[in-house]
Amino acid sequence: MKRTYLSLVICAILFAPALGAQEKQVVEGELFPTVIEEEPKSSISMNGIFSDFTFSWEKGKTRSTFNGIQFGFANISGMGDAKLSPWSVFASFHPLSISFVFKSHWSVGLSVGYGLDYYWFKKNTALTQVDGITQFVFSDEEQQYESGALTNLYLSAPLFIKYQTKIKNRLYHIQGGIDMIDYTYSSGASLKRRDLSGKHRESNIPLNYSTNGAYRFVLQMGLQDIGLYMYYQPVSMFEKNKGPNLHSWGIGLSAPL
């Protein structure tokens, strides 16, 4: 019975705009009465190519600017003697977003999507697993590490609060929150090395990623849908005592789809 009630509520919410669109007004006093269709009155709107649902109880339009793509340069703190290439990058993609507008300028919401971090290590440095421990390795007389990389493909779900206002007829927004991520989705390291027996290439090296709920602080601000995007991860990528204490951060741009 509870499921039946819940299904009826969901159907009522989804079809409310359609029902509102069917309201008509008849203008009397003409030989052939004119029927005027009224604009749908709904508190639910959907924007963008993908799914960006906004539930509003206030006048004015808003949308989640996390519903789109974010990209830029990535970095890692806590690497010690290891060095990261300046060409390390990140990108995230959030096709689904739900926002609740509770004031004309304020809203809260949740986006869901994927993220990708690609870190290049400078020559003679690589990240791998030795005796069950994730650690950095360096070139020596026996073997040379020609290249090393770390690829993190993860699920991303930022929970955010947003403020928006108009400045000279242009919409300004600032929003921030916590991005809950799951590194265990598909991540790993790769390296290319040379030793006495020749060249070797290894890929998809499993690492001891943190499984205790990794998250990032995210901040985004800008005009219209274009903005500056930043993030910082206060918790380590890897489990305690099973890998280096690395914290990722990045800065870039955000854009709509």
Protein backbone atom coordinates (compact mmCIF):
# COMPACT_ATOMS: atom_id res chain seq x y z
CA MET A 1 0.00 0.00 0.00
CA LYS A 2 2.83 2.39 0.84
CA ARG A 3 4.42 1.67 -2.54
CA THR A 4 1.12 2.46 -4.27
CA TYR A 5 0.86 5.83 -2.50
CA LEU A 6 4.49 6.62 -3.32
CA SER A 7 3.92 5.78 -7.01
CA LEU A 8 0.89 8.08 -7.13
CA VAL A 9 2.88 10.95 -5.59
CA ILE A 10 5.74 10.49 -8.07
CA CYS A 11 3.31 10.40 -11.01
CA ALA A 12 1.58 13.54 -9.75
CA ILE A 13 4.92 15.39 -9.55
CA LEU A 14 6.10 14.26 -12.99
CA PHE A 15 2.84 14.97 -14.81
CA ALA A 16 1.96 18.22 -13.04
CA PRO A 17 3.50 20.40 -15.82
CA ALA A 18 1.55 18.50 -18.49
CA LEU A 19 -1.72 18.86 -16.62
CA GLY A 20 -1.08 22.56 -16.12
CA ALA A 21 -0.51 23.00 -19.84
CA GLN A 22 -4.02 21.74 -20.59
CA GLU A 23 -5.77 24.59 -18.76
CA LYS A 24 -7.75 26.72 -21.22
CA GLN A 25 -9.64 29.99 -21.04
CA VAL A 26 -12.66 30.68 -23.31
CA VAL A 27 -13.25 34.26 -24.46
CA GLU A 28 -17.02 34.81 -24.62
CA GLY A 29 -18.90 37.28 -26.76
CA GLU A 30 -17.65 36.08 -30.15
CA LEU A 31 -19.41 34.12 -32.86
CA PHE A 32 -16.69 31.53 -32.61
CA PRO A 33 -15.32 31.60 -29.05
CA THR A 34 -11.52 31.93 -28.89
CA VAL A 35 -9.75 29.39 -26.73
CA ILE A 36 -6.58 30.73 -25.06
CA GLU A 37 -4.19 28.18 -23.62
CA GLU A 38 -2.61 29.39 -20.41
CA GLU A 39 1.06 28.97 -19.59
CA PRO A 40 1.76 25.89 -17.46
CA LYS A 41 2.14 26.69 -13.81
CA SER A 42 4.57 24.28 -12.26
CA SER A 43 7.24 24.42 -9.62
CA ILE A 44 9.35 21.90 -11.52
CA SER A 45 11.64 22.78 -14.44
CA MET A 46 14.15 20.84 -16.48
CA ASN A 47 17.12 22.45 -18.23
CA GLY A 48 20.03 21.40 -20.36
CA ILE A 49 20.67 18.52 -22.72
CA PHE A 50 20.78 16.12 -19.81
CA SER A 51 18.75 15.94 -16.60
CA ASP A 52 18.83 19.10 -14.48
CA PHE A 53 15.70 19.16 -12.34
CA THR A 54 14.87 22.27 -10.31
CA PHE A 55 12.17 22.34 -7.61
CA SER A 56 11.33 25.96 -6.84
CA TRP A 57 8.95 27.71 -4.46
CA GLU A 58 10.20 31.18 -5.38
CA LYS A 59 10.01 33.31 -8.52
CA GLY A 60 13.03 33.43 -10.77
CA LYS A 61 15.05 30.80 -12.55
CA THR A 62 18.05 28.91 -11.32
CA ARG A 63 19.99 25.85 -12.40
CA SER A 64 22.81 23.76 -11.08
CA THR A 65 26.08 24.80 -12.67
CA PHE A 66 27.53 21.48 -11.49
CA ASN A 67 25.34 20.00 -14.21
CA GLY A 68 27.99 20.08 -16.95
CA ILE A 69 31.74 19.59 -17.20
CA GLN A 70 34.69 20.76 -15.12
CA PHE A 71 38.28 20.50 -16.35
CA GLY A 72 41.71 21.89 -15.56
CA PHE A 73 45.12 21.17 -14.07
CA ALA A 74 45.54 18.65 -11.25
CA ASN A 75 48.17 18.38 -8.54
CA ILE A 76 49.05 16.24 -5.51
CA SER A 77 50.49 17.32 -2.17
CA GLY A 78 52.52 15.02 0.09
CA MET A 79 54.63 13.39 -2.62
CA GLY A 80 57.97 13.91 -0.87
CA ASP A 81 60.88 13.40 -3.29
CA ALA A 82 58.55 12.38 -6.13
CA LYS A 83 57.80 15.02 -8.74
CA LEU A 84 54.63 15.57 -10.75
CA SER A 85 54.47 16.82 -14.32
CA PRO A 86 52.74 20.20 -14.78
CA TRP A 87 50.61 18.60 -17.51
CA SER A 88 48.58 16.50 -15.07
CA VAL A 89 44.87 17.13 -15.66
CA PHE A 90 41.40 16.43 -14.29
CA ALA A 91 37.90 16.39 -15.79
CA SER A 92 34.46 15.68 -14.37
CA PHE A 93 31.10 15.19 -16.00
CA HIS A 94 27.74 15.39 -14.19
CA PRO A 95 24.74 14.54 -16.41
CA LEU A 96 22.21 14.43 -13.55
CA SER A 97 21.44 17.22 -11.09
CA ILE A 98 18.58 17.98 -8.70
CA SER A 99 18.20 21.44 -7.10
CA PHE A 100 15.82 22.76 -4.45
CA VAL A 101 15.32 26.55 -4.44
CA PHE A 102 14.18 27.69 -1.01
CA LYS A 103 14.88 31.41 -1.44
CA SER A 104 15.09 33.62 -4.52
CA HIS A 105 18.91 33.61 -4.29
CA TRP A 106 19.65 30.35 -2.47
CA SER A 107 19.39 26.71 -3.44
CA VAL A 108 20.78 23.31 -2.46
CA GLY A 109 21.25 20.30 -4.64
CA LEU A 110 22.97 17.10 -5.61
CA SER A 111 24.74 16.16 -8.86
CA VAL A 112 25.83 12.69 -9.97
CA GLY A 113 28.44 11.77 -12.55
CA TYR A 114 31.99 10.66 -13.20
CA GLY A 115 35.44 12.12 -12.69
CA LEU A 116 38.87 11.46 -14.18
CA ASP A 117 42.29 12.47 -12.81
CA TYR A 118 45.39 11.80 -14.88
CA TYR A 119 48.74 12.39 -13.18
CA TRP A 120 52.05 12.24 -15.06
CA PHE A 121 55.16 11.71 -12.92
CA LYS A 122 58.46 13.17 -13.98
CA LYS A 123 61.07 10.88 -15.45
CA ASN A 124 62.77 8.42 -13.07
CA THR A 125 59.65 8.27 -10.85
CA ALA A 126 56.76 5.80 -10.75
CA LEU A 127 53.99 4.67 -8.39
CA THR A 128 53.46 0.95 -7.89
CA GLN A 129 52.79 -1.71 -5.28
CA VAL A 130 55.68 -3.41 -3.52
CA ASP A 131 54.99 -6.25 -1.04
CA GLY A 132 51.36 -5.16 -0.79
CA ILE A 133 52.22 -1.50 -0.07
CA THR A 134 51.56 1.33 -2.52
CA GLN A 135 54.70 3.45 -2.81
CA PHE A 136 56.84 5.58 -5.07
CA VAL A 137 59.87 3.96 -6.70
CA PHE A 138 62.84 5.71 -8.26
CA SER A 139 65.42 4.84 -10.89
CA ASP A 140 68.68 3.24 -9.78
CA GLU A 141 71.60 1.46 -11.38
CA GLU A 142 69.59 -1.71 -12.02
CA GLN A 143 66.50 -0.18 -13.61
CA GLN A 144 65.36 3.11 -15.06
CA TYR A 145 61.77 4.35 -14.92
CA GLU A 146 61.15 6.10 -18.23
CA SER A 147 57.59 7.14 -17.41
CA GLY A 148 54.93 6.64 -14.76
CA ALA A 149 51.29 7.69 -14.49
CA LEU A 150 48.33 7.44 -12.14
CA THR A 151 44.80 7.29 -13.57
CA ASN A 152 41.80 7.73 -11.30
CA LEU A 153 38.36 7.13 -12.81
CA TYR A 154 35.74 7.49 -10.12
CA LEU A 155 32.10 8.08 -9.32
CA SER A 156 31.37 11.64 -8.25
CA ALA A 157 28.39 13.03 -6.30
CA PRO A 158 28.79 16.68 -5.18
CA LEU A 159 26.33 17.91 -2.55
CA PHE A 160 26.28 21.71 -2.82
CA ILE A 161 24.72 24.97 -1.66
CA LYS A 162 24.45 27.82 -4.15
CA TYR A 163 23.95 31.59 -4.08
CA GLN A 164 23.09 33.55 -7.21
CA THR A 165 22.27 37.16 -8.01
CA LYS A 166 22.25 39.53 -10.97
CA ILE A 167 25.06 42.00 -11.62
CA LYS A 168 24.38 44.39 -14.52
CA ASN A 169 21.78 42.00 -15.96
CA ARG A 170 24.19 39.09 -15.84
CA LEU A 171 23.73 36.17 -13.49
CA TYR A 172 26.54 35.70 -10.97
CA HIS A 173 26.80 32.49 -8.99
CA ILE A 174 28.95 31.00 -6.26
CA GLN A 175 28.48 27.50 -4.93
CA GLY A 176 30.42 25.03 -2.86
CA GLY A 177 30.07 21.79 -1.02
CA ILE A 178 31.37 18.26 -0.61
CA ASP A 179 32.04 15.92 -3.51
CA MET A 180 31.73 12.28 -2.42
CA ILE A 181 33.94 10.08 -4.62
CA ASP A 182 34.64 6.38 -5.06
CA TYR A 183 38.14 5.57 -6.33
CA THR A 184 37.41 1.85 -6.43
CA TYR A 185 35.29 2.28 -9.56
CA SER A 186 38.23 2.00 -12.00
CA SER A 187 41.66 3.32 -11.06
CA GLY A 188 45.28 2.23 -11.18
CA ALA A 189 48.86 3.06 -12.08
CA SER A 190 50.99 2.41 -15.14
CA LEU A 191 54.73 2.60 -15.77
CA LYS A 192 57.42 1.99 -18.35
CA ARG A 193 60.84 0.86 -17.16
CA ARG A 194 64.11 -0.47 -18.48
CA ASP A 195 66.36 -2.95 -16.69
CA LEU A 196 69.17 -5.33 -17.60
CA SER A 197 66.75 -7.64 -19.44
CA GLY A 198 65.28 -4.87 -21.61
CA LYS A 199 62.18 -2.67 -21.70
CA HIS A 200 59.01 -3.45 -19.75
CA ARG A 201 55.57 -1.86 -19.71
CA GLU A 202 53.06 -2.40 -16.93
CA SER A 203 49.50 -1.10 -16.79
CA ASN A 204 46.43 -1.26 -14.51
CA ILE A 205 48.59 -1.81 -11.45
CA PRO A 206 46.21 -2.27 -8.47
CA LEU A 207 46.74 0.17 -5.60
CA ASN A 208 45.49 0.41 -2.00
CA TYR A 209 42.86 3.10 -2.52
CA SER A 210 40.93 4.39 0.45
CA THR A 211 37.57 2.67 0.84
CA ASN A 212 36.41 4.60 3.90
CA GLY A 213 34.56 7.33 2.03
CA ALA A 214 36.88 9.69 0.18
CA TYR A 215 35.57 13.21 -0.41
CA ARG A 216 36.64 16.61 -1.68
CA PHE A 217 35.77 20.20 -0.92
CA VAL A 218 34.61 21.92 -4.11
CA LEU A 219 34.09 25.60 -4.95
CA GLN A 220 32.77 27.13 -8.13
CA MET A 221 32.03 30.76 -9.05
CA GLY A 222 31.44 32.75 -12.22
CA LEU A 223 29.08 34.62 -14.54
CA GLN A 224 26.21 32.84 -16.27
CA ASP A 225 27.20 29.18 -16.70
CA ILE A 226 30.95 29.73 -17.13
CA GLY A 227 32.98 29.68 -13.94
CA LEU A 228 36.18 29.06 -12.04
CA TYR A 229 36.31 25.61 -10.42
CA MET A 230 38.55 24.43 -7.56
CA TYR A 231 38.76 21.35 -5.35
CA TYR A 232 40.85 19.97 -2.49
CA GLN A 233 40.80 16.47 -1.01
CA PRO A 234 41.52 16.55 2.75
CA VAL A 235 41.64 12.76 3.10
CA SER A 236 44.38 10.60 1.61
CA MET A 237 43.86 8.70 -1.64
CA PHE A 238 45.19 5.51 -0.04
CA GLU A 239 44.49 3.52 3.07
CA LYS A 240 46.49 4.38 6.18
CA ASN A 241 49.77 2.45 6.47
CA LYS A 242 49.17 0.93 3.01
CA GLY A 243 50.22 3.83 0.84
CA PRO A 244 51.58 7.40 0.78
CA ASN A 245 49.54 10.18 2.38
CA LEU A 246 48.56 11.97 -0.83
CA HIS A 247 46.01 14.79 -1.12
CA SER A 248 44.79 15.85 -4.55
CA TRP A 249 43.79 19.37 -5.55
CA GLY A 250 43.07 21.16 -8.78
CA ILE A 251 41.94 24.39 -10.44
CA GLY A 252 40.21 24.89 -13.75
CA LEU A 253 37.02 25.96 -15.49
CA SER A 254 33.41 24.82 -15.57
CA ALA A 255 31.08 24.94 -18.55
CA PRO A 256 27.53 23.81 -19.39
CA LEU A 257 26.65 21.04 -21.83
